[in-house]
């Protein structure tokens, strides 16, 4: 079995050395980029299984790189930053990141976060049945990983897709926040109340912009449901 390939992009060589050493000890193949432009080039060339991006690289920064890659790929993306601020977490999530790690990070935390993203991504691609879910003009094609609203293709991140898939399986059922976190494969620390609400708000806005119905309703103190 070939090794999983991880692309890391950080302008600090010491951080890159730490990440490479830690990940290679876990059996991964690691490719380094020292800036955003190189990360985008290598992403196209090597087709990595997972990407770790420094938030504050020079232009394009980590958020710019994340947005660009999300136009064509649903691979797991982890943002790495020295700033412990919710705004940075929200911006990372809004740009399409799947997880968020604050520097300095321990080898154990890095290992768990990477393993979690890879396992969830693999399960999402291989274990789903052939199915389409259609409700009120919303259509989710699980095999093709596509979402349309009244026939219009609406791009979703992997996290948004998994969030919406859970709610569409039973559109009036109220799913707890814990069930949503499990469905999207996010760490608890990256799935605080405000960040889950950001996921919901972004999906809601995309549906509305495509002419769809008002969807994803928060149920205070419990979680979310697709329709009232």
C-alpha atoms as a PDB file:
ATOM      1  CA  UNK A   1       0.000   0.000   0.000  1.00  0.00           C
ATOM      2  CA  UNK A   2       1.403   3.395  -0.973  1.00  0.00           C
ATOM      3  CA  UNK A   3       2.035   5.975   1.701  1.00  0.00           C
ATOM      4  CA  UNK A   4      -0.422   8.798   2.228  1.00  0.00           C
ATOM      5  CA  UNK A   5       1.098  11.994   0.889  1.00  0.00           C
ATOM      6  CA  UNK A   6       0.874  15.182   2.937  1.00  0.00           C
ATOM      7  CA  UNK A   7       1.720  18.630   1.634  1.00  0.00           C
ATOM      8  CA  UNK A   8       2.813  21.145   4.277  1.00  0.00           C
ATOM      9  CA  UNK A   9       3.139  24.853   3.543  1.00  0.00           C
ATOM     10  CA  UNK A  10       4.788  27.173   6.056  1.00  0.00           C
ATOM     11  CA  UNK A  11       7.307  29.986   5.660  1.00  0.00           C
ATOM     12  CA  UNK A  12       9.083  28.989   8.881  1.00  0.00           C
ATOM     13  CA  UNK A  13      11.708  26.280   8.122  1.00  0.00           C
ATOM     14  CA  UNK A  14      11.784  25.147  11.766  1.00  0.00           C
ATOM     15  CA  UNK A  15       8.041  24.456  11.685  1.00  0.00           C
ATOM     16  CA  UNK A  16       8.413  22.550   8.423  1.00  0.00           C
ATOM     17  CA  UNK A  17      11.183  20.410   9.910  1.00  0.00           C
ATOM     18  CA  UNK A  18       9.043  19.612  12.965  1.00  0.00           C
ATOM     19  CA  UNK A  19       6.010  18.733  10.838  1.00  0.00           C
ATOM     20  CA  UNK A  20       8.008  16.636   8.388  1.00  0.00           C
ATOM     21  CA  UNK A  21       9.808  14.706  11.124  1.00  0.00           C
ATOM     22  CA  UNK A  22       6.613  14.056  13.112  1.00  0.00           C
ATOM     23  CA  UNK A  23       4.605  12.958  10.078  1.00  0.00           C
ATOM     24  CA  UNK A  24       7.321  10.805   8.529  1.00  0.00           C
ATOM     25  CA  UNK A  25       7.633   8.970  11.861  1.00  0.00           C
ATOM     26  CA  UNK A  26       3.948   8.089  11.410  1.00  0.00           C
ATOM     27  CA  UNK A  27       4.656   6.613   7.984  1.00  0.00           C
ATOM     28  CA  UNK A  28       3.496   9.509   5.805  1.00  0.00           C
ATOM     29  CA  UNK A  29       5.229  10.838   2.717  1.00  0.00           C
ATOM     30  CA  UNK A  30       5.765  14.579   3.193  1.00  0.00           C
ATOM     31  CA  UNK A  31       6.298  17.330   0.620  1.00  0.00           C
ATOM     32  CA  UNK A  32       7.189  20.875   1.713  1.00  0.00           C
ATOM     33  CA  UNK A  33       6.281  24.302   0.345  1.00  0.00           C
ATOM     34  CA  UNK A  34       7.729  27.511   1.772  1.00  0.00           C
ATOM     35  CA  UNK A  35       5.009  29.856   0.487  1.00  0.00           C
ATOM     36  CA  UNK A  36       1.490  29.929  -0.905  1.00  0.00           C
ATOM     37  CA  UNK A  37       2.466  30.033  -4.570  1.00  0.00           C
ATOM     38  CA  UNK A  38       4.639  26.953  -4.187  1.00  0.00           C
ATOM     39  CA  UNK A  39       1.854  25.201  -2.281  1.00  0.00           C
ATOM     40  CA  UNK A  40      -0.584  25.756  -5.160  1.00  0.00           C
ATOM     41  CA  UNK A  41       1.957  24.493  -7.701  1.00  0.00           C
ATOM     42  CA  UNK A  42       2.777  21.373  -5.680  1.00  0.00           C
ATOM     43  CA  UNK A  43      -0.895  20.688  -5.003  1.00  0.00           C
ATOM     44  CA  UNK A  44      -1.461  20.422  -8.759  1.00  0.00           C
ATOM     45  CA  UNK A  45       1.668  18.352  -9.341  1.00  0.00           C
ATOM     46  CA  UNK A  46       1.493  15.768  -6.562  1.00  0.00           C
ATOM     47  CA  UNK A  47      -2.234  15.485  -5.740  1.00  0.00           C
ATOM     48  CA  UNK A  48      -1.725  15.140  -1.940  1.00  0.00           C
ATOM     49  CA  UNK A  49      -4.046  13.274   0.405  1.00  0.00           C
ATOM     50  CA  UNK A  50      -4.015  16.069   2.992  1.00  0.00           C
ATOM     51  CA  UNK A  51      -2.782  19.659   3.188  1.00  0.00           C
ATOM     52  CA  UNK A  52      -1.464  21.555   6.222  1.00  0.00           C
ATOM     53  CA  UNK A  53      -1.386  25.323   5.638  1.00  0.00           C
ATOM     54  CA  UNK A  54       0.163  28.089   7.709  1.00  0.00           C
ATOM     55  CA  UNK A  55      -2.382  30.881   8.079  1.00  0.00           C
ATOM     56  CA  UNK A  56       0.064  33.807   7.956  1.00  0.00           C
ATOM     57  CA  UNK A  57       2.317  33.004   5.011  1.00  0.00           C
ATOM     58  CA  UNK A  58       3.093  35.790   2.582  1.00  0.00           C
ATOM     59  CA  UNK A  59       0.685  36.384  -0.282  1.00  0.00           C
ATOM     60  CA  UNK A  60      -1.080  34.256  -1.155  1.00  0.00           C
ATOM     61  CA  UNK A  61      -1.606  33.412   2.501  1.00  0.00           C
ATOM     62  CA  UNK A  62      -3.107  30.234   3.899  1.00  0.00           C
ATOM     63  CA  UNK A  63      -6.693  31.418   3.498  1.00  0.00           C
ATOM     64  CA  UNK A  64      -6.118  32.385  -0.133  1.00  0.00           C
ATOM     65  CA  UNK A  65      -4.565  29.006  -0.875  1.00  0.00           C
ATOM     66  CA  UNK A  66      -7.427  27.230   0.889  1.00  0.00           C
ATOM     67  CA  UNK A  67     -10.047  29.116  -1.124  1.00  0.00           C
ATOM     68  CA  UNK A  68      -8.270  28.393  -4.404  1.00  0.00           C
ATOM     69  CA  UNK A  69      -7.970  24.675  -3.726  1.00  0.00           C
ATOM     70  CA  UNK A  70     -11.591  24.438  -2.624  1.00  0.00           C
ATOM     71  CA  UNK A  71     -12.662  25.425  -6.133  1.00  0.00           C
ATOM     72  CA  UNK A  72     -11.580  22.000  -7.402  1.00  0.00           C
ATOM     73  CA  UNK A  73     -10.895  19.669  -4.474  1.00  0.00           C
ATOM     74  CA  UNK A  74     -12.431  18.319  -1.262  1.00  0.00           C
ATOM     75  CA  UNK A  75      -9.180  16.960   0.198  1.00  0.00           C
ATOM     76  CA  UNK A  76      -8.771  17.529   3.957  1.00  0.00           C
ATOM     77  CA  UNK A  77      -7.175  20.888   4.805  1.00  0.00           C
ATOM     78  CA  UNK A  78      -5.793  21.772   8.236  1.00  0.00           C
ATOM     79  CA  UNK A  79      -4.919  25.389   9.015  1.00  0.00           C
ATOM     80  CA  UNK A  80      -1.918  25.976  11.305  1.00  0.00           C
ATOM     81  CA  UNK A  81      -1.583  29.291  13.121  1.00  0.00           C
ATOM     82  CA  UNK A  82       0.020  30.977  16.117  1.00  0.00           C
ATOM     83  CA  UNK A  83      -3.132  32.984  16.879  1.00  0.00           C
ATOM     84  CA  UNK A  84      -5.697  31.672  19.353  1.00  0.00           C
ATOM     85  CA  UNK A  85      -8.575  33.881  18.227  1.00  0.00           C
ATOM     86  CA  UNK A  86     -12.078  32.806  17.256  1.00  0.00           C
ATOM     87  CA  UNK A  87     -12.081  35.200  14.283  1.00  0.00           C
ATOM     88  CA  UNK A  88      -9.139  33.339  12.772  1.00  0.00           C
ATOM     89  CA  UNK A  89     -10.955  30.047  13.312  1.00  0.00           C
ATOM     90  CA  UNK A  90     -14.126  31.381  11.679  1.00  0.00           C
ATOM     91  CA  UNK A  91     -12.170  32.771   8.720  1.00  0.00           C
ATOM     92  CA  UNK A  92     -10.393  29.438   8.284  1.00  0.00           C
ATOM     93  CA  UNK A  93     -13.665  27.548   8.337  1.00  0.00           C
ATOM     94  CA  UNK A  94     -15.283  30.011   5.954  1.00  0.00           C
ATOM     95  CA  UNK A  95     -12.393  29.526   3.528  1.00  0.00           C
ATOM     96  CA  UNK A  96     -13.029  25.775   3.472  1.00  0.00           C
ATOM     97  CA  UNK A  97     -10.657  24.400   6.105  1.00  0.00           C
ATOM     98  CA  UNK A  98     -11.598  21.180   7.889  1.00  0.00           C
ATOM     99  CA  UNK A  99      -9.594  21.715  11.067  1.00  0.00           C
ATOM    100  CA  UNK A 100      -7.538  24.345  12.865  1.00  0.00           C
ATOM    101  CA  UNK A 101      -4.394  23.767  14.947  1.00  0.00           C
ATOM    102  CA  UNK A 102      -2.784  26.409  17.167  1.00  0.00           C
ATOM    103  CA  UNK A 103       1.012  26.557  17.398  1.00  0.00           C
ATOM    104  CA  UNK A 104       2.922  25.210  19.176  1.00  0.00           C
ATOM    105  CA  UNK A 105       1.397  21.797  18.547  1.00  0.00           C
ATOM    106  CA  UNK A 106       2.486  18.522  20.120  1.00  0.00           C
ATOM    107  CA  UNK A 107       3.288  15.465  18.018  1.00  0.00           C
ATOM    108  CA  UNK A 108       0.371  13.620  19.626  1.00  0.00           C
ATOM    109  CA  UNK A 109      -2.174  16.292  18.756  1.00  0.00           C
ATOM    110  CA  UNK A 110      -0.809  16.549  15.210  1.00  0.00           C
ATOM    111  CA  UNK A 111      -1.040  12.782  14.792  1.00  0.00           C
ATOM    112  CA  UNK A 112      -4.626  12.623  16.047  1.00  0.00           C
ATOM    113  CA  UNK A 113      -5.852  15.554  13.943  1.00  0.00           C
ATOM    114  CA  UNK A 114      -4.268  14.221  10.754  1.00  0.00           C
ATOM    115  CA  UNK A 115      -5.533  10.681  11.357  1.00  0.00           C
ATOM    116  CA  UNK A 116      -9.042  11.955  12.079  1.00  0.00           C
ATOM    117  CA  UNK A 117      -9.224  13.921   8.835  1.00  0.00           C
ATOM    118  CA  UNK A 118      -7.833  11.119   6.690  1.00  0.00           C
ATOM    119  CA  UNK A 119     -10.132   8.490   8.191  1.00  0.00           C
ATOM    120  CA  UNK A 120     -13.224  10.632   7.816  1.00  0.00           C
ATOM    121  CA  UNK A 121     -12.325  11.575   4.260  1.00  0.00           C
ATOM    122  CA  UNK A 122     -11.752   7.927   3.293  1.00  0.00           C
ATOM    123  CA  UNK A 123     -15.036   6.836   4.862  1.00  0.00           C
ATOM    124  CA  UNK A 124     -16.903   9.565   3.061  1.00  0.00           C
ATOM    125  CA  UNK A 125     -15.530   8.500  -0.324  1.00  0.00           C
ATOM    126  CA  UNK A 126     -15.763   4.707  -0.079  1.00  0.00           C
ATOM    127  CA  UNK A 127     -18.495   3.640   2.324  1.00  0.00           C
ATOM    128  CA  UNK A 128     -21.456   5.683   1.196  1.00  0.00           C
ATOM    129  CA  UNK A 129     -24.168   3.882  -0.757  1.00  0.00           C
ATOM    130  CA  UNK A 130     -25.150   4.934  -4.242  1.00  0.00           C
ATOM    131  CA  UNK A 131     -27.872   7.451  -3.511  1.00  0.00           C
ATOM    132  CA  UNK A 132     -29.447  10.771  -4.240  1.00  0.00           C
ATOM    133  CA  UNK A 133     -31.515  12.726  -1.755  1.00  0.00           C
ATOM    134  CA  UNK A 134     -34.046  15.188  -3.190  1.00  0.00           C
ATOM    135  CA  UNK A 135     -36.162  17.514  -1.034  1.00  0.00           C
ATOM    136  CA  UNK A 136     -37.929  20.738  -2.067  1.00  0.00           C
ATOM    137  CA  UNK A 137     -35.649  21.416  -5.004  1.00  0.00           C
ATOM    138  CA  UNK A 138     -32.497  20.456  -3.077  1.00  0.00           C
ATOM    139  CA  UNK A 139     -30.657  17.469  -4.535  1.00  0.00           C
ATOM    140  CA  UNK A 140     -27.634  15.818  -2.957  1.00  0.00           C
ATOM    141  CA  UNK A 141     -25.748  13.336  -5.150  1.00  0.00           C
ATOM    142  CA  UNK A 142     -23.719  11.343  -2.655  1.00  0.00           C
ATOM    143  CA  UNK A 143     -21.600   9.339  -5.107  1.00  0.00           C
ATOM    144  CA  UNK A 144     -20.644  12.344  -7.235  1.00  0.00           C
ATOM    145  CA  UNK A 145     -20.368  14.594  -4.180  1.00  0.00           C
ATOM    146  CA  UNK A 146     -22.516  17.259  -5.833  1.00  0.00           C
ATOM    147  CA  UNK A 147     -25.274  19.496  -4.525  1.00  0.00           C
ATOM    148  CA  UNK A 148     -27.813  21.276  -6.715  1.00  0.00           C
ATOM    149  CA  UNK A 149     -30.588  23.738  -5.930  1.00  0.00           C
ATOM    150  CA  UNK A 150     -33.388  23.701  -8.504  1.00  0.00           C
ATOM    151  CA  UNK A 151     -30.942  22.315 -11.031  1.00  0.00           C
ATOM    152  CA  UNK A 152     -28.167  24.822 -10.264  1.00  0.00           C
ATOM    153  CA  UNK A 153     -24.880  23.306  -9.112  1.00  0.00           C
ATOM    154  CA  UNK A 154     -23.840  24.777  -5.742  1.00  0.00           C
ATOM    155  CA  UNK A 155     -20.249  24.145  -4.597  1.00  0.00           C
ATOM    156  CA  UNK A 156     -19.836  22.915  -1.023  1.00  0.00           C
ATOM    157  CA  UNK A 157     -16.798  22.135   1.062  1.00  0.00           C
ATOM    158  CA  UNK A 158     -16.510  18.566   2.335  1.00  0.00           C
ATOM    159  CA  UNK A 159     -17.562  19.707   5.796  1.00  0.00           C
ATOM    160  CA  UNK A 160     -20.602  21.555   4.428  1.00  0.00           C
ATOM    161  CA  UNK A 161     -21.556  18.539   2.320  1.00  0.00           C
ATOM    162  CA  UNK A 162     -21.424  16.182   5.310  1.00  0.00           C
ATOM    163  CA  UNK A 163     -23.382  18.640   7.467  1.00  0.00           C
ATOM    164  CA  UNK A 164     -26.098  18.939   4.811  1.00  0.00           C
ATOM    165  CA  UNK A 165     -26.193  15.203   4.132  1.00  0.00           C
ATOM    166  CA  UNK A 166     -26.968  14.528   7.791  1.00  0.00           C
ATOM    167  CA  UNK A 167     -29.844  17.021   7.852  1.00  0.00           C
ATOM    168  CA  UNK A 168     -31.301  15.921   4.512  1.00  0.00           C
ATOM    169  CA  UNK A 169     -31.612  12.283   5.609  1.00  0.00           C
ATOM    170  CA  UNK A 170     -34.462  13.362   7.893  1.00  0.00           C
ATOM    171  CA  UNK A 171     -35.307  17.010   7.155  1.00  0.00           C
ATOM    172  CA  UNK A 172     -37.589  17.691  10.142  1.00  0.00           C
ATOM    173  CA  UNK A 173     -35.572  15.752  12.699  1.00  0.00           C
ATOM    174  CA  UNK A 174     -33.551  17.812  15.176  1.00  0.00           C
ATOM    175  CA  UNK A 175     -29.927  16.647  15.258  1.00  0.00           C
ATOM    176  CA  UNK A 176     -27.878  17.487  18.320  1.00  0.00           C
ATOM    177  CA  UNK A 177     -24.680  19.475  18.042  1.00  0.00           C
ATOM    178  CA  UNK A 178     -22.770  16.338  19.035  1.00  0.00           C
ATOM    179  CA  UNK A 179     -24.355  14.411  16.145  1.00  0.00           C
ATOM    180  CA  UNK A 180     -23.370  17.163  13.723  1.00  0.00           C
ATOM    181  CA  UNK A 181     -19.787  17.191  15.017  1.00  0.00           C
ATOM    182  CA  UNK A 182     -19.591  13.422  14.538  1.00  0.00           C
ATOM    183  CA  UNK A 183     -21.046  13.676  11.022  1.00  0.00           C
ATOM    184  CA  UNK A 184     -18.598  16.326   9.837  1.00  0.00           C
ATOM    185  CA  UNK A 185     -15.635  14.622  11.474  1.00  0.00           C
ATOM    186  CA  UNK A 186     -14.419  17.763  13.201  1.00  0.00           C
ATOM    187  CA  UNK A 187     -12.575  17.934  16.467  1.00  0.00           C
ATOM    188  CA  UNK A 188     -14.565  19.240  19.422  1.00  0.00           C
ATOM    189  CA  UNK A 189     -12.223  22.214  19.774  1.00  0.00           C
ATOM    190  CA  UNK A 190     -12.891  23.197  16.172  1.00  0.00           C
ATOM    191  CA  UNK A 191     -16.646  22.788  16.495  1.00  0.00           C
ATOM    192  CA  UNK A 192     -17.670  25.293  19.125  1.00  0.00           C
ATOM    193  CA  UNK A 193     -21.124  26.771  19.034  1.00  0.00           C
ATOM    194  CA  UNK A 194     -20.110  29.795  16.973  1.00  0.00           C
ATOM    195  CA  UNK A 195     -18.238  27.732  14.385  1.00  0.00           C
ATOM    196  CA  UNK A 196     -21.061  25.264  13.824  1.00  0.00           C
ATOM    197  CA  UNK A 197     -23.387  28.238  13.405  1.00  0.00           C
ATOM    198  CA  UNK A 198     -20.970  29.589  10.795  1.00  0.00           C
ATOM    199  CA  UNK A 199     -21.194  26.306   8.871  1.00  0.00           C
ATOM    200  CA  UNK A 200     -24.986  26.477   8.996  1.00  0.00           C
ATOM    201  CA  UNK A 201     -25.063  30.138   7.965  1.00  0.00           C
ATOM    202  CA  UNK A 202     -22.811  29.554   4.956  1.00  0.00           C
ATOM    203  CA  UNK A 203     -24.861  26.620   3.689  1.00  0.00           C
ATOM    204  CA  UNK A 204     -28.083  28.583   4.226  1.00  0.00           C
ATOM    205  CA  UNK A 205     -26.703  31.524   2.252  1.00  0.00           C
ATOM    206  CA  UNK A 206     -25.613  29.299  -0.630  1.00  0.00           C
ATOM    207  CA  UNK A 207     -29.056  27.707  -0.859  1.00  0.00           C
ATOM    208  CA  UNK A 208     -30.775  31.086  -0.768  1.00  0.00           C
ATOM    209  CA  UNK A 209     -28.458  32.568  -3.415  1.00  0.00           C
ATOM    210  CA  UNK A 210     -29.370  29.710  -5.761  1.00  0.00           C
ATOM    211  CA  UNK A 211     -33.085  30.398  -5.317  1.00  0.00           C
ATOM    212  CA  UNK A 212     -33.774  27.625  -2.832  1.00  0.00           C
ATOM    213  CA  UNK A 213     -35.977  27.568   0.281  1.00  0.00           C
ATOM    214  CA  UNK A 214     -34.916  28.796   3.718  1.00  0.00           C
ATOM    215  CA  UNK A 215     -33.080  25.855   5.207  1.00  0.00           C
ATOM    216  CA  UNK A 216     -31.063  24.804   8.253  1.00  0.00           C
ATOM    217  CA  UNK A 217     -32.773  26.051  11.374  1.00  0.00           C
ATOM    218  CA  UNK A 218     -31.047  26.209  14.738  1.00  0.00           C
ATOM    219  CA  UNK A 219     -32.984  24.765  17.662  1.00  0.00           C
ATOM    220  CA  UNK A 220     -31.895  26.598  20.792  1.00  0.00           C
ATOM    221  CA  UNK A 221     -30.054  24.427  23.261  1.00  0.00           C
ATOM    222  CA  UNK A 222     -30.236  21.322  21.062  1.00  0.00           C
ATOM    223  CA  UNK A 223     -28.891  21.533  17.520  1.00  0.00           C
ATOM    224  CA  UNK A 224     -30.178  21.832  13.961  1.00  0.00           C
ATOM    225  CA  UNK A 225     -32.787  20.617  11.524  1.00  0.00           C
ATOM    226  CA  UNK A 226     -33.196  21.220   7.803  1.00  0.00           C
ATOM    227  CA  UNK A 227     -36.807  22.464   7.719  1.00  0.00           C
ATOM    228  CA  UNK A 228     -39.254  23.609  10.360  1.00  0.00           C
END
